[in-house]
Amino acid sequence: MSGRSVVSFSGVDSCLSSLKSCQSYINSGMDITTNVALDLVEHQNDLEEVNEMEKVMLDYAAMSRDVSHYMQAVEDTVNQIKREKPETVPHLKDLVQEKFMTLEETNNDLQLKRNEKFVHFKEQLKQMKIQFGVPLDAGESQANEQVDEDLTVTQSQMNFICPITQEEMKKPVRNKTCGHTYEEEAILKIIMHKEKQKKKACCPQIGCYNTDVKRSDLVPDEALKRLIDHRKKHSQSTQ
């Protein structure tokens, strides 16, 4: 019978579960912050407050990065122990901390600005500013020299129409890969139908070459939804 110590990972599993919950809370916080910023732009409130929301988003991005690094450190430590099968039970906390600090040494501000939710926040914010006539800041103006045609005519009814249902969208989602928007329920039905056939879903926008639309590619287009709602209210008030 081997005298090798048996390492229990039940505590580690609990730790990872807690970290995943924390990451979920951070994501929810970023979604709420995005909506607050869009509210401020829509009602043309103090732009300083909008800038504060951007700082909050960067703080959330930093927290998300730290949580991701700690989760990776825990997983790397578990994999190392399983691979090496040490004779004595190692001090897991010290091993995880060492790996975590190594990952943290690679931190830089550019990573935060590349955070997926922060990028989405900036895109939505810029779209709202353009459509509601709010001045862009210096960085946004420079990046906006080549504005996509779809964005410049967003307020036309045609861009409010789902390419699947041919009806005005109520809950638009944008494809991160090709940039096209669809009614959420309609595109999800297509994806599920193709999954049952074990096939890939193609983007339904005419002329699009994206042949692999996935659920993970879809993000809520809150800015477009607000523009649609705004147009409806304006239309009703003028009738």
Protein backbone atom coordinates (compact mmCIF):
# COMPACT_ATOMS: atom_id res chain seq x y z
CA MET A 1 0.00 0.00 0.00
CA SER A 2 1.46 3.33 -1.01
CA GLY A 3 2.18 5.93 1.65
CA ARG A 4 1.55 8.72 -0.83
CA SER A 5 -0.72 11.44 0.56
CA VAL A 6 -4.10 11.94 -1.01
CA VAL A 7 -4.94 15.54 -1.84
CA SER A 8 -8.60 16.51 -1.53
CA PHE A 9 -9.79 19.15 -3.97
CA SER A 10 -13.26 19.63 -2.48
CA GLY A 11 -12.21 22.96 -0.98
CA VAL A 12 -10.69 23.99 -4.30
CA ASP A 13 -13.93 23.21 -6.14
CA SER A 14 -15.82 25.35 -3.64
CA CYS A 15 -13.33 28.18 -4.17
CA LEU A 16 -13.73 28.02 -7.95
CA SER A 17 -17.50 28.03 -7.62
CA SER A 18 -17.33 31.18 -5.48
CA LEU A 19 -14.99 32.86 -7.96
CA LYS A 20 -17.35 32.07 -10.84
CA SER A 21 -20.22 33.63 -8.88
CA CYS A 22 -18.05 36.69 -8.25
CA GLN A 23 -17.30 36.95 -11.97
CA SER A 24 -21.03 36.77 -12.68
CA TYR A 25 -21.69 39.64 -10.25
CA ILE A 26 -18.98 41.72 -11.92
CA ASN A 27 -20.53 41.11 -15.34
CA SER A 28 -23.94 42.18 -14.01
CA GLY A 29 -22.38 45.32 -12.57
CA MET A 30 -20.84 46.16 -15.94
CA ASP A 31 -24.20 45.68 -17.67
CA ILE A 32 -25.89 48.00 -15.16
CA THR A 33 -23.14 50.62 -15.57
CA THR A 34 -23.53 50.49 -19.36
CA ASN A 35 -27.27 51.10 -19.05
CA VAL A 36 -26.72 54.02 -16.67
CA ALA A 37 -24.25 55.60 -19.12
CA LEU A 38 -26.70 55.17 -22.01
CA ASP A 39 -29.45 56.75 -19.89
CA LEU A 40 -27.22 59.77 -19.28
CA VAL A 41 -26.49 60.19 -22.99
CA GLU A 42 -30.11 59.67 -24.04
CA HIS A 43 -31.30 62.37 -21.64
CA GLN A 44 -28.21 64.50 -22.41
CA ASN A 45 -27.18 64.84 -18.79
CA ASP A 46 -23.77 66.00 -17.59
CA LEU A 47 -21.10 64.34 -19.73
CA GLU A 48 -18.78 64.32 -16.71
CA GLU A 49 -21.09 61.72 -15.23
CA VAL A 50 -20.76 59.67 -18.43
CA ASN A 51 -16.99 59.83 -18.08
CA GLU A 52 -17.35 58.63 -14.50
CA MET A 53 -19.23 55.59 -15.79
CA GLU A 54 -16.25 54.81 -18.04
CA LYS A 55 -13.96 54.88 -14.99
CA VAL A 56 -16.35 52.54 -13.18
CA MET A 57 -16.24 50.17 -16.17
CA LEU A 58 -12.43 50.14 -16.07
CA ASP A 59 -12.55 49.37 -12.33
CA TYR A 60 -14.88 46.46 -13.05
CA ALA A 61 -12.56 45.30 -15.84
CA ALA A 62 -9.66 45.29 -13.38
CA MET A 63 -11.69 43.24 -10.91
CA SER A 64 -12.69 40.82 -13.67
CA ARG A 65 -9.05 40.40 -14.68
CA ASP A 66 -7.98 39.71 -11.07
CA VAL A 67 -10.72 37.12 -10.61
CA SER A 68 -9.81 35.46 -13.92
CA HIS A 69 -6.14 35.35 -12.91
CA TYR A 70 -6.97 33.81 -9.54
CA MET A 71 -9.19 31.19 -11.17
CA GLN A 72 -6.39 30.36 -13.61
CA ALA A 73 -3.89 30.16 -10.74
CA VAL A 74 -6.12 27.73 -8.85
CA GLU A 75 -6.69 25.57 -11.94
CA ASP A 76 -2.98 25.56 -12.83
CA THR A 77 -2.10 24.53 -9.26
CA VAL A 78 -4.58 21.64 -9.32
CA ASN A 79 -3.28 20.45 -12.69
CA GLN A 80 0.31 20.65 -11.44
CA ILE A 81 -0.45 18.53 -8.36
CA LYS A 82 -2.38 15.97 -10.37
CA ARG A 83 0.48 15.76 -12.84
CA GLU A 84 3.36 15.61 -10.33
CA LYS A 85 1.59 13.56 -7.57
CA PRO A 86 3.82 14.87 -4.73
CA GLU A 87 4.73 12.61 -1.77
CA THR A 88 3.59 15.21 0.76
CA VAL A 89 0.51 17.41 0.66
CA PRO A 90 1.63 20.84 -0.63
CA HIS A 91 0.48 24.14 0.83
CA LEU A 92 -2.15 24.96 -1.79
CA LYS A 93 -2.61 28.58 -0.70
CA ASP A 94 1.08 29.39 -1.21
CA LEU A 95 1.20 27.65 -4.58
CA VAL A 96 -1.90 29.47 -5.82
CA GLN A 97 -0.63 32.83 -4.55
CA GLU A 98 2.70 32.33 -6.31
CA LYS A 99 1.02 31.56 -9.63
CA PHE A 100 -1.44 34.42 -9.15
CA MET A 101 1.34 36.95 -8.58
CA THR A 102 3.15 35.71 -11.70
CA LEU A 103 0.01 36.35 -13.75
CA GLU A 104 -0.51 39.76 -12.13
CA GLU A 105 2.99 40.85 -13.20
CA THR A 106 1.74 40.94 -16.79
CA ASN A 107 -0.99 43.49 -15.98
CA ASN A 108 -1.28 46.68 -18.02
CA ASP A 109 -3.96 49.27 -18.78
CA LEU A 110 -4.34 48.10 -22.38
CA GLN A 111 -5.70 44.78 -21.11
CA LEU A 112 -8.53 46.61 -19.34
CA LYS A 113 -9.51 48.52 -22.47
CA ARG A 114 -9.63 45.24 -24.38
CA ASN A 115 -12.09 43.74 -21.91
CA GLU A 116 -15.01 42.48 -24.00
CA LYS A 117 -17.68 44.25 -21.97
CA PHE A 118 -15.68 47.50 -21.88
CA VAL A 119 -15.28 47.39 -25.68
CA HIS A 120 -19.04 46.82 -26.02
CA PHE A 121 -19.67 49.70 -23.60
CA LYS A 122 -17.58 52.08 -25.73
CA GLU A 123 -19.25 50.97 -28.97
CA GLN A 124 -22.75 51.40 -27.54
CA LEU A 125 -21.86 54.75 -26.00
CA LYS A 126 -20.45 56.09 -29.25
CA GLN A 127 -23.50 54.95 -31.19
CA MET A 128 -25.82 56.69 -28.73
CA LYS A 129 -23.78 59.91 -28.78
CA ILE A 130 -23.85 60.07 -32.58
CA GLN A 131 -27.58 59.49 -32.84
CA PHE A 132 -28.52 61.90 -30.05
CA GLY A 133 -26.14 64.63 -31.18
CA VAL A 134 -23.87 64.45 -28.14
CA PRO A 135 -20.26 65.55 -28.83
CA LEU A 136 -17.71 62.74 -29.01
CA ASP A 137 -14.56 62.94 -26.93
CA ALA A 138 -11.15 63.16 -28.62
CA GLY A 139 -10.54 59.42 -28.71
CA GLU A 140 -14.01 58.67 -30.08
CA SER A 141 -13.73 61.37 -32.76
CA GLN A 142 -10.43 59.98 -34.02
CA ALA A 143 -11.82 56.45 -34.12
CA ASN A 144 -14.94 57.73 -35.84
CA GLU A 145 -13.25 59.11 -38.98
CA GLN A 146 -14.43 56.06 -40.94
CA VAL A 147 -17.92 55.58 -39.51
CA ASP A 148 -19.68 52.48 -40.82
CA GLU A 149 -22.52 53.26 -43.19
CA ASP A 150 -24.89 51.18 -41.06
CA LEU A 151 -24.15 53.40 -38.07
CA THR A 152 -24.64 56.73 -39.85
CA VAL A 153 -28.14 55.75 -40.97
CA THR A 154 -29.19 53.88 -37.87
CA GLN A 155 -32.21 56.12 -37.38
CA SER A 156 -33.71 55.11 -40.70
CA GLN A 157 -36.49 52.57 -40.34
CA MET A 158 -34.66 50.10 -42.61
CA ASN A 159 -31.98 49.54 -39.97
CA PHE A 160 -34.66 48.87 -37.39
CA ILE A 161 -35.92 45.89 -39.42
CA CYS A 162 -34.78 42.37 -38.57
CA PRO A 163 -33.37 40.58 -41.65
CA ILE A 164 -35.14 37.40 -40.49
CA THR A 165 -38.63 38.53 -39.52
CA GLN A 166 -38.70 41.64 -41.77
CA GLU A 167 -40.35 43.39 -38.84
CA GLU A 168 -39.15 46.15 -36.54
CA MET A 169 -36.95 44.69 -33.82
CA LYS A 170 -38.03 44.73 -30.19
CA LYS A 171 -35.01 43.08 -28.62
CA PRO A 172 -32.07 43.47 -31.05
CA VAL A 173 -28.83 41.59 -30.60
CA ARG A 174 -25.61 42.32 -32.48
CA ASN A 175 -23.26 39.72 -33.88
CA LYS A 176 -19.75 40.48 -32.59
CA THR A 177 -18.21 38.72 -35.59
CA CYS A 178 -19.92 40.44 -38.52
CA GLY A 179 -21.66 43.36 -36.80
CA HIS A 180 -25.17 42.59 -38.06
CA THR A 181 -28.24 42.83 -35.84
CA TYR A 182 -31.28 40.58 -35.54
CA GLU A 183 -34.32 40.05 -33.35
CA GLU A 184 -32.98 37.89 -30.51
CA GLU A 185 -35.75 35.28 -30.56
CA ALA A 186 -35.55 34.91 -34.35
CA ILE A 187 -31.78 34.33 -34.56
CA LEU A 188 -31.84 31.93 -31.60
CA LYS A 189 -34.51 29.84 -33.35
CA ILE A 190 -32.28 29.59 -36.41
CA ILE A 191 -29.27 28.58 -34.31
CA MET A 192 -31.25 25.92 -32.41
CA HIS A 193 -32.74 24.56 -35.63
CA LYS A 194 -29.28 24.21 -37.18
CA GLU A 195 -27.90 22.62 -34.01
CA LYS A 196 -30.53 19.88 -34.24
CA GLN A 197 -29.36 19.25 -37.80
CA LYS A 198 -25.74 19.36 -36.57
CA LYS A 199 -25.07 22.23 -38.94
CA LYS A 200 -23.73 25.76 -38.57
CA ALA A 201 -26.03 28.78 -38.78
CA CYS A 202 -25.23 31.39 -41.42
CA CYS A 203 -25.80 35.09 -40.87
CA PRO A 204 -29.19 35.87 -42.47
CA GLN A 205 -28.08 39.33 -43.60
CA ILE A 206 -27.92 39.37 -47.41
CA GLY A 207 -24.33 39.49 -48.64
CA CYS A 208 -22.76 38.49 -45.30
CA TYR A 209 -20.05 35.85 -45.46
CA ASN A 210 -20.33 34.80 -41.80
CA THR A 211 -21.21 31.10 -41.98
CA ASP A 212 -20.94 30.23 -38.29
CA VAL A 213 -23.23 32.28 -36.05
CA LYS A 214 -23.01 31.13 -32.41
CA ARG A 215 -24.89 32.12 -29.27
CA SER A 216 -21.64 33.39 -27.78
CA ASP A 217 -21.33 35.85 -30.70
CA LEU A 218 -24.56 37.64 -29.78
CA VAL A 219 -24.64 40.66 -27.47
CA PRO A 220 -27.65 42.87 -26.62
CA ASP A 221 -27.69 46.03 -28.74
CA GLU A 222 -29.11 48.30 -26.06
CA ALA A 223 -28.24 51.45 -28.00
CA LEU A 224 -30.24 50.32 -31.04
CA LYS A 225 -33.16 49.25 -28.84
CA ARG A 226 -33.23 52.71 -27.28
CA LEU A 227 -33.16 54.34 -30.70
CA ILE A 228 -36.09 52.22 -31.84
CA ASP A 229 -38.04 53.08 -28.68
CA HIS A 230 -37.13 56.76 -29.07
CA ARG A 231 -38.37 56.81 -32.68
CA LYS A 232 -41.65 55.16 -31.63
CA LYS A 233 -42.27 57.72 -28.89
CA HIS A 234 -41.42 60.59 -31.25
CA SER A 235 -43.74 59.17 -33.92
CA GLN A 236 -46.61 58.78 -31.44
CA SER A 237 -46.16 62.30 -30.08
CA THR A 238 -46.41 63.83 -33.57
CA GLN A 239 -49.56 61.94 -34.55
